[in-house]
Amino acid sequence: MKIRHTMIRVKTLQRSVEFYTQHLGMDLMRTRENQARGERVAYVGYGEEDSNHALEIVEMMNPPTEYVHGNTYGHIAILVDDVQEMSNRLKRSNIEFAHEPHQTRPDNPNMIAFIKDPDGYEIELTERRKFK
């Protein structure tokens, strides 16, 4: 068994697809529309959907007046080679940061940062460098 995908609801599907593909380098794996359920869906991620975890992005055709993330939402984490380099690139694109790049602990050189997607979902950028 494996985790197939994680689903989030968004206000505008195209805006979210552009964010994840253009700024985070994900691939658009597939899209679908379900008139009966009143939704448009895109799957994005890294690589082939059958082999990798996907992010399912869902836009409701008749959305509620307001989306509320709830008090149990945490974040999506993405492993990157260099958090500082990625953060610098995202800042040039005016991406909002919830937490600037910083070390996880004084004895660990690995960095993390948190950005926000167009709907306010937090995305952790994390690195795993070996250290002594």
Protein backbone atom coordinates (compact mmCIF):
# COMPACT_ATOMS: atom_id res chain seq x y z
CA MET A 1 0.00 0.00 0.00
CA LYS A 2 0.98 3.62 -0.42
CA ILE A 3 -0.56 7.05 -0.15
CA ARG A 4 -2.00 7.89 -3.57
CA HIS A 5 -2.90 11.56 -3.20
CA THR A 6 -3.83 14.35 -0.82
CA MET A 7 -6.83 16.54 -1.70
CA ILE A 8 -7.35 20.25 -1.11
CA ARG A 9 -10.20 22.52 -2.22
CA VAL A 10 -9.30 25.72 -4.00
CA LYS A 11 -11.14 28.79 -5.26
CA THR A 12 -9.68 28.82 -8.79
CA LEU A 13 -8.29 25.61 -10.27
CA GLN A 14 -6.23 27.23 -13.02
CA ARG A 15 -4.55 29.67 -10.61
CA SER A 16 -3.59 26.80 -8.30
CA VAL A 17 -2.32 24.59 -11.12
CA GLU A 18 -0.15 27.48 -12.33
CA PHE A 19 1.20 28.05 -8.81
CA TYR A 20 2.20 24.43 -8.24
CA THR A 21 3.59 23.85 -11.74
CA GLN A 22 5.31 27.19 -12.35
CA HIS A 23 6.64 27.96 -8.88
CA LEU A 24 7.17 24.51 -7.36
CA GLY A 25 8.05 22.61 -10.53
CA MET A 26 5.27 20.04 -10.29
CA ASP A 27 3.86 18.31 -13.35
CA LEU A 28 0.19 18.43 -14.28
CA MET A 29 -0.60 14.73 -14.13
CA ARG A 30 -4.22 14.85 -15.30
CA THR A 31 -7.49 16.76 -15.05
CA ARG A 32 -11.10 15.73 -14.91
CA GLU A 33 -14.50 17.34 -14.55
CA ASN A 34 -17.46 15.76 -12.81
CA GLN A 35 -20.69 17.62 -13.55
CA ALA A 36 -22.72 15.36 -11.25
CA ARG A 37 -20.50 16.25 -8.28
CA GLY A 38 -20.06 19.83 -9.45
CA GLU A 39 -16.27 19.83 -9.44
CA ARG A 40 -13.22 20.39 -11.60
CA VAL A 41 -10.12 18.46 -10.55
CA ALA A 42 -6.42 18.52 -11.34
CA TYR A 43 -3.70 16.22 -10.09
CA VAL A 44 -0.20 17.68 -9.77
CA GLY A 45 3.03 16.24 -8.46
CA TYR A 46 6.50 15.08 -9.35
CA GLY A 47 6.69 12.31 -11.93
CA GLU A 48 4.03 9.80 -12.93
CA GLU A 49 0.85 9.63 -10.85
CA ASP A 50 0.93 5.83 -10.59
CA SER A 51 4.43 5.91 -9.09
CA ASN A 52 4.31 9.05 -6.95
CA HIS A 53 2.15 10.84 -4.44
CA ALA A 54 -0.10 13.45 -6.06
CA LEU A 55 -1.80 16.60 -4.85
CA GLU A 56 -5.45 16.55 -5.91
CA ILE A 57 -6.71 20.11 -6.38
CA VAL A 58 -10.50 20.48 -6.44
CA GLU A 59 -12.52 23.52 -7.53
CA MET A 60 -16.24 23.39 -6.77
CA MET A 61 -18.48 24.67 -9.58
CA ASN A 62 -20.89 26.13 -7.02
CA PRO A 63 -18.53 26.91 -4.15
CA PRO A 64 -19.57 28.01 -0.69
CA THR A 65 -19.24 31.73 -0.07
CA GLU A 66 -16.12 31.10 2.00
CA TYR A 67 -13.62 28.29 2.38
CA VAL A 68 -12.41 27.63 5.92
CA HIS A 69 -9.29 25.50 6.37
CA GLY A 70 -10.40 24.44 9.80
CA ASN A 71 -8.33 24.20 12.95
CA THR A 72 -6.73 20.85 12.14
CA TYR A 73 -4.93 21.65 8.87
CA GLY A 74 -1.15 21.50 9.10
CA HIS A 75 0.89 21.82 5.92
CA ILE A 76 2.21 20.12 2.81
CA ALA A 77 5.97 19.42 2.90
CA ILE A 78 8.22 19.42 -0.16
CA LEU A 79 11.81 18.21 -0.07
CA VAL A 80 14.10 20.58 -1.98
CA ASP A 81 17.86 20.57 -2.56
CA ASP A 82 18.49 24.05 -1.17
CA VAL A 83 15.84 25.90 0.84
CA GLN A 84 17.64 29.25 0.70
CA GLU A 85 18.07 29.11 -3.08
CA MET A 86 14.45 28.05 -3.60
CA SER A 87 13.25 30.77 -1.22
CA ASN A 88 15.22 33.42 -3.08
CA ARG A 89 13.63 32.33 -6.37
CA LEU A 90 10.13 32.33 -4.85
CA LYS A 91 10.66 35.79 -3.34
CA ARG A 92 11.53 37.13 -6.80
CA SER A 93 8.09 35.84 -7.88
CA ASN A 94 6.42 37.59 -4.91
CA ILE A 95 5.33 34.36 -3.23
CA GLU A 96 4.09 34.96 0.33
CA PHE A 97 6.18 33.48 3.14
CA ALA A 98 4.57 32.36 6.39
CA HIS A 99 8.05 31.69 7.89
CA GLU A 100 11.34 32.82 6.41
CA PRO A 101 14.12 30.27 5.82
CA HIS A 102 15.77 29.19 9.06
CA GLN A 103 17.69 26.30 10.60
CA THR A 104 15.62 23.64 12.28
CA ARG A 105 17.99 23.45 15.26
CA PRO A 106 21.34 25.05 16.15
CA ASP A 107 23.13 21.69 15.82
CA ASN A 108 21.51 20.91 12.43
CA PRO A 109 22.44 22.90 9.29
CA ASN A 110 19.26 21.88 7.46
CA MET A 111 16.92 24.74 6.67
CA ILE A 112 13.14 24.99 6.40
CA ALA A 113 10.78 27.72 5.22
CA PHE A 114 7.01 27.98 4.87
CA ILE A 115 5.24 29.60 1.93
CA LYS A 116 1.54 30.06 1.18
CA ASP A 117 -0.27 28.97 -1.95
CA PRO A 118 -2.97 31.20 -3.53
CA ASP A 119 -5.61 29.81 -1.14
CA GLY A 120 -3.50 30.21 1.98
CA TYR A 121 -2.40 26.60 2.37
CA GLU A 122 1.05 26.45 3.95
CA ILE A 123 3.80 24.54 2.20
CA GLU A 124 6.97 23.61 4.05
CA LEU A 125 10.16 23.67 2.04
CA THR A 126 12.62 21.33 3.72
CA GLU A 127 16.07 19.94 2.97
CA ARG A 128 17.90 16.87 4.22
CA ARG A 129 21.62 17.43 4.05
CA LYS A 130 23.89 15.02 5.84
CA PHE A 131 25.79 16.55 8.71
CA LYS A 132 28.18 15.39 11.39
